Amino acid sequence: MLPIDPAKIDPDDIGAKQTTLETDHEDAIEHVREVFTDAGFGVPVEFSPSELLNEKVDADRDPYYVLGACNPSVADRALEASDGKLGALFPCNVVVWEEEPGRQRVYHVSIMRIARLVGIAPEDDEMEDIVAETSELVDTAFENL
């Protein structure tokens, strides 16, 4: 039995954001990368689970791509505030998947909010400031997608 009932979690509780882009998959990835970089994130990690799974287990997955975004100053503060534990959730992933050709879904959840929900990060003023700052950065990015 899970300690948290996932059905009772409001998407706002985990900072869930999503939008749809009417473009091809590669253009969507490039656009998301640029927009998140402009909003203050770096993208140090990128990979395609669909390519990996299609190659390794013949999964026949539609295009699916993960951009691991990070704002170094916020990440440093989050590590400090959580006694290093929050690093287990790094980086903040933004996912792009093809719903159908020419239509891409962009999805993100806040690891900072999730960390508080599961007890990895404290419920204090410093963490509240970190959550607010990352939420602003993500909101800016999604507004510009």
C-alpha atoms as a PDB file:
ATOM      1  CA  MET A   1       0.000   0.000   0.000  1.00  0.00           C
ATOM      2  CA  LEU A   2       1.335   3.417  -0.941  1.00  0.00           C
ATOM      3  CA  PRO A   3       1.704   5.979   1.873  1.00  0.00           C
ATOM      4  CA  ILE A   4       0.117   8.629  -0.379  1.00  0.00           C
ATOM      5  CA  ASP A   5      -3.060   8.077  -2.379  1.00  0.00           C
ATOM      6  CA  PRO A   6      -2.106   9.197  -5.912  1.00  0.00           C
ATOM      7  CA  ALA A   7      -5.789   9.716  -6.769  1.00  0.00           C
ATOM      8  CA  LYS A   8      -5.998  12.419  -4.091  1.00  0.00           C
ATOM      9  CA  ILE A   9      -2.999  14.416  -5.345  1.00  0.00           C
ATOM     10  CA  ASP A  10      -4.016  17.551  -7.197  1.00  0.00           C
ATOM     11  CA  PRO A  11      -1.767  18.215 -10.232  1.00  0.00           C
ATOM     12  CA  ASP A  12      -0.958  21.608  -8.644  1.00  0.00           C
ATOM     13  CA  ASP A  13       0.468  19.767  -5.623  1.00  0.00           C
ATOM     14  CA  ILE A  14       3.198  18.330  -7.829  1.00  0.00           C
ATOM     15  CA  GLY A  15       3.529  21.372 -10.077  1.00  0.00           C
ATOM     16  CA  ALA A  16       2.263  19.500 -13.130  1.00  0.00           C
ATOM     17  CA  LYS A  17       2.383  21.562 -16.304  1.00  0.00           C
ATOM     18  CA  GLN A  18       1.617  20.478 -19.815  1.00  0.00           C
ATOM     19  CA  THR A  19       0.887  21.888 -23.211  1.00  0.00           C
ATOM     20  CA  THR A  20       0.594  20.728 -26.789  1.00  0.00           C
ATOM     21  CA  LEU A  21       2.767  21.948 -29.652  1.00  0.00           C
ATOM     22  CA  GLU A  22       1.593  21.648 -33.229  1.00  0.00           C
ATOM     23  CA  THR A  23       4.928  20.782 -34.851  1.00  0.00           C
ATOM     24  CA  ASP A  24       7.091  17.787 -35.623  1.00  0.00           C
ATOM     25  CA  HIS A  25       8.958  16.007 -32.853  1.00  0.00           C
ATOM     26  CA  GLU A  26      12.482  17.264 -33.563  1.00  0.00           C
ATOM     27  CA  ASP A  27      11.313  20.889 -33.870  1.00  0.00           C
ATOM     28  CA  ALA A  28       9.389  20.557 -30.599  1.00  0.00           C
ATOM     29  CA  ILE A  29      12.496  19.284 -28.796  1.00  0.00           C
ATOM     30  CA  GLU A  30      14.582  22.165 -30.120  1.00  0.00           C
ATOM     31  CA  HIS A  31      11.884  24.698 -29.185  1.00  0.00           C
ATOM     32  CA  VAL A  32      11.483  23.316 -25.648  1.00  0.00           C
ATOM     33  CA  ARG A  33      15.274  23.322 -25.162  1.00  0.00           C
ATOM     34  CA  GLU A  34      15.529  26.966 -26.297  1.00  0.00           C
ATOM     35  CA  VAL A  35      12.564  28.157 -24.231  1.00  0.00           C
ATOM     36  CA  PHE A  36      13.759  26.474 -21.029  1.00  0.00           C
ATOM     37  CA  THR A  37      17.281  27.814 -21.587  1.00  0.00           C
ATOM     38  CA  ASP A  38      15.879  31.325 -22.079  1.00  0.00           C
ATOM     39  CA  ALA A  39      13.876  30.924 -18.841  1.00  0.00           C
ATOM     40  CA  GLY A  40      17.058  30.264 -16.847  1.00  0.00           C
ATOM     41  CA  PHE A  41      17.597  26.523 -17.083  1.00  0.00           C
ATOM     42  CA  GLY A  42      20.530  24.621 -18.456  1.00  0.00           C
ATOM     43  CA  VAL A  43      19.889  21.282 -20.143  1.00  0.00           C
ATOM     44  CA  PRO A  44      22.828  19.066 -19.112  1.00  0.00           C
ATOM     45  CA  VAL A  45      21.106  15.736 -19.800  1.00  0.00           C
ATOM     46  CA  GLU A  46      19.051  14.628 -22.805  1.00  0.00           C
ATOM     47  CA  PHE A  47      17.982  11.218 -23.998  1.00  0.00           C
ATOM     48  CA  SER A  48      15.332   9.375 -25.961  1.00  0.00           C
ATOM     49  CA  PRO A  49      13.757   6.504 -24.017  1.00  0.00           C
ATOM     50  CA  SER A  50      11.781   5.553 -27.119  1.00  0.00           C
ATOM     51  CA  GLU A  51      14.931   5.069 -29.208  1.00  0.00           C
ATOM     52  CA  LEU A  52      16.567   3.067 -26.430  1.00  0.00           C
ATOM     53  CA  LEU A  53      13.520   0.860 -25.829  1.00  0.00           C
ATOM     54  CA  ASN A  54      12.843   0.380 -29.520  1.00  0.00           C
ATOM     55  CA  GLU A  55      16.436  -0.748 -29.990  1.00  0.00           C
ATOM     56  CA  LYS A  56      16.806  -2.891 -26.869  1.00  0.00           C
ATOM     57  CA  VAL A  57      13.407  -4.574 -26.512  1.00  0.00           C
ATOM     58  CA  ASP A  58      11.698  -3.830 -29.839  1.00  0.00           C
ATOM     59  CA  ALA A  59       9.116  -1.730 -27.975  1.00  0.00           C
ATOM     60  CA  ASP A  60       7.707   0.040 -31.054  1.00  0.00           C
ATOM     61  CA  ARG A  61       7.363   3.300 -29.074  1.00  0.00           C
ATOM     62  CA  ASP A  62       6.402   6.590 -30.668  1.00  0.00           C
ATOM     63  CA  PRO A  63       8.963   9.402 -30.313  1.00  0.00           C
ATOM     64  CA  TYR A  64       9.532  10.295 -26.650  1.00  0.00           C
ATOM     65  CA  TYR A  65      12.316  12.585 -25.416  1.00  0.00           C
ATOM     66  CA  VAL A  66      13.535  13.769 -22.002  1.00  0.00           C
ATOM     67  CA  LEU A  67      15.341  17.046 -21.429  1.00  0.00           C
ATOM     68  CA  GLY A  68      16.960  17.216 -17.991  1.00  0.00           C
ATOM     69  CA  ALA A  69      16.741  20.900 -17.064  1.00  0.00           C
ATOM     70  CA  CYS A  70      18.651  22.506 -14.198  1.00  0.00           C
ATOM     71  CA  ASN A  71      19.059  25.978 -12.742  1.00  0.00           C
ATOM     72  CA  PRO A  72      22.421  25.660 -10.937  1.00  0.00           C
ATOM     73  CA  SER A  73      21.830  28.270  -8.222  1.00  0.00           C
ATOM     74  CA  VAL A  74      18.413  26.842  -7.312  1.00  0.00           C
ATOM     75  CA  ALA A  75      19.780  23.281  -7.442  1.00  0.00           C
ATOM     76  CA  ASP A  76      22.578  24.247  -5.050  1.00  0.00           C
ATOM     77  CA  ARG A  77      20.100  25.788  -2.617  1.00  0.00           C
ATOM     78  CA  ALA A  78      17.834  22.725  -2.851  1.00  0.00           C
ATOM     79  CA  LEU A  79      20.722  20.373  -2.088  1.00  0.00           C
ATOM     80  CA  GLU A  80      21.641  22.469   0.942  1.00  0.00           C
ATOM     81  CA  ALA A  81      18.031  22.684   2.176  1.00  0.00           C
ATOM     82  CA  SER A  82      17.521  18.919   1.873  1.00  0.00           C
ATOM     83  CA  ASP A  83      20.876  17.780   3.305  1.00  0.00           C
ATOM     84  CA  GLY A  84      21.794  16.528  -0.166  1.00  0.00           C
ATOM     85  CA  LYS A  85      18.793  14.219  -0.544  1.00  0.00           C
ATOM     86  CA  LEU A  86      17.059  16.161  -3.306  1.00  0.00           C
ATOM     87  CA  GLY A  87      19.879  15.280  -5.695  1.00  0.00           C
ATOM     88  CA  ALA A  88      18.304  11.834  -6.035  1.00  0.00           C
ATOM     89  CA  LEU A  89      15.570  13.519  -8.078  1.00  0.00           C
ATOM     90  CA  PHE A  90      17.840  15.720 -10.251  1.00  0.00           C
ATOM     91  CA  PRO A  91      17.574  16.938 -12.933  1.00  0.00           C
ATOM     92  CA  CYS A  92      14.145  18.516 -13.393  1.00  0.00           C
ATOM     93  CA  ASN A  93      12.837  16.639 -16.421  1.00  0.00           C
ATOM     94  CA  VAL A  94      10.756  18.096 -19.213  1.00  0.00           C
ATOM     95  CA  VAL A  95       9.274  15.397 -21.428  1.00  0.00           C
ATOM     96  CA  VAL A  96       8.241  15.713 -25.074  1.00  0.00           C
ATOM     97  CA  TRP A  97       6.250  12.910 -26.640  1.00  0.00           C
ATOM     98  CA  GLU A  98       4.512  12.559 -29.948  1.00  0.00           C
ATOM     99  CA  GLU A  99       0.762  12.164 -29.495  1.00  0.00           C
ATOM    100  CA  GLU A 100       0.397  11.888 -33.250  1.00  0.00           C
ATOM    101  CA  PRO A 101       2.499  13.120 -36.175  1.00  0.00           C
ATOM    102  CA  GLY A 102       2.690  16.907 -35.983  1.00  0.00           C
ATOM    103  CA  ARG A 103       1.334  17.028 -32.402  1.00  0.00           C
ATOM    104  CA  GLN A 104       3.691  16.913 -29.417  1.00  0.00           C
ATOM    105  CA  ARG A 105       2.852  16.880 -25.697  1.00  0.00           C
ATOM    106  CA  VAL A 106       5.236  18.748 -23.352  1.00  0.00           C
ATOM    107  CA  TYR A 107       5.004  17.700 -19.681  1.00  0.00           C
ATOM    108  CA  HIS A 108       6.814  18.631 -16.465  1.00  0.00           C
ATOM    109  CA  VAL A 109       6.348  18.039 -12.737  1.00  0.00           C
ATOM    110  CA  SER A 110       8.118  19.903  -9.956  1.00  0.00           C
ATOM    111  CA  ILE A 111      10.709  17.744  -8.230  1.00  0.00           C
ATOM    112  CA  MET A 112      10.858  20.422  -5.532  1.00  0.00           C
ATOM    113  CA  ARG A 113       7.150  19.979  -4.737  1.00  0.00           C
ATOM    114  CA  ILE A 114       7.364  16.190  -4.958  1.00  0.00           C
ATOM    115  CA  ALA A 115      10.375  16.204  -2.629  1.00  0.00           C
ATOM    116  CA  ARG A 116       8.318  17.999   0.011  1.00  0.00           C
ATOM    117  CA  LEU A 117       5.350  15.638  -0.438  1.00  0.00           C
ATOM    118  CA  VAL A 118       7.489  12.563   0.174  1.00  0.00           C
ATOM    119  CA  GLY A 119       9.593  14.051   2.968  1.00  0.00           C
ATOM    120  CA  ILE A 120      12.901  14.429   1.098  1.00  0.00           C
ATOM    121  CA  ALA A 121      12.832  18.208   1.510  1.00  0.00           C
ATOM    122  CA  PRO A 122      11.708  20.172   4.555  1.00  0.00           C
ATOM    123  CA  GLU A 123       8.539  22.233   4.912  1.00  0.00           C
ATOM    124  CA  ASP A 124      10.306  25.483   5.779  1.00  0.00           C
ATOM    125  CA  ASP A 125      10.699  29.030   4.455  1.00  0.00           C
ATOM    126  CA  GLU A 126      13.861  28.261   2.468  1.00  0.00           C
ATOM    127  CA  MET A 127      12.242  25.363   0.635  1.00  0.00           C
ATOM    128  CA  GLU A 128       9.106  27.429   0.069  1.00  0.00           C
ATOM    129  CA  ASP A 129      11.294  30.092  -1.590  1.00  0.00           C
ATOM    130  CA  ILE A 130      12.983  27.439  -3.740  1.00  0.00           C
ATOM    131  CA  VAL A 131       9.602  26.034  -4.831  1.00  0.00           C
ATOM    132  CA  ALA A 132       8.357  29.542  -5.646  1.00  0.00           C
ATOM    133  CA  GLU A 133      11.474  30.374  -7.671  1.00  0.00           C
ATOM    134  CA  THR A 134      11.421  27.158  -9.683  1.00  0.00           C
ATOM    135  CA  SER A 135       7.675  27.555 -10.242  1.00  0.00           C
ATOM    136  CA  GLU A 136       8.277  31.037 -11.667  1.00  0.00           C
ATOM    137  CA  LEU A 137      10.973  29.741 -14.003  1.00  0.00           C
ATOM    138  CA  VAL A 138       8.776  26.883 -15.230  1.00  0.00           C
ATOM    139  CA  ASP A 139       5.747  29.173 -15.587  1.00  0.00           C
ATOM    140  CA  THR A 140       7.842  31.531 -17.721  1.00  0.00           C
ATOM    141  CA  ALA A 141       8.994  28.663 -19.898  1.00  0.00           C
ATOM    142  CA  PHE A 142       5.484  27.287 -20.399  1.00  0.00           C
ATOM    143  CA  GLU A 143       4.119  30.758 -21.175  1.00  0.00           C
ATOM    144  CA  ASN A 144       6.699  30.975 -23.977  1.00  0.00           C
ATOM    145  CA  LEU A 145       6.095  27.519 -25.420  1.00  0.00           C
END
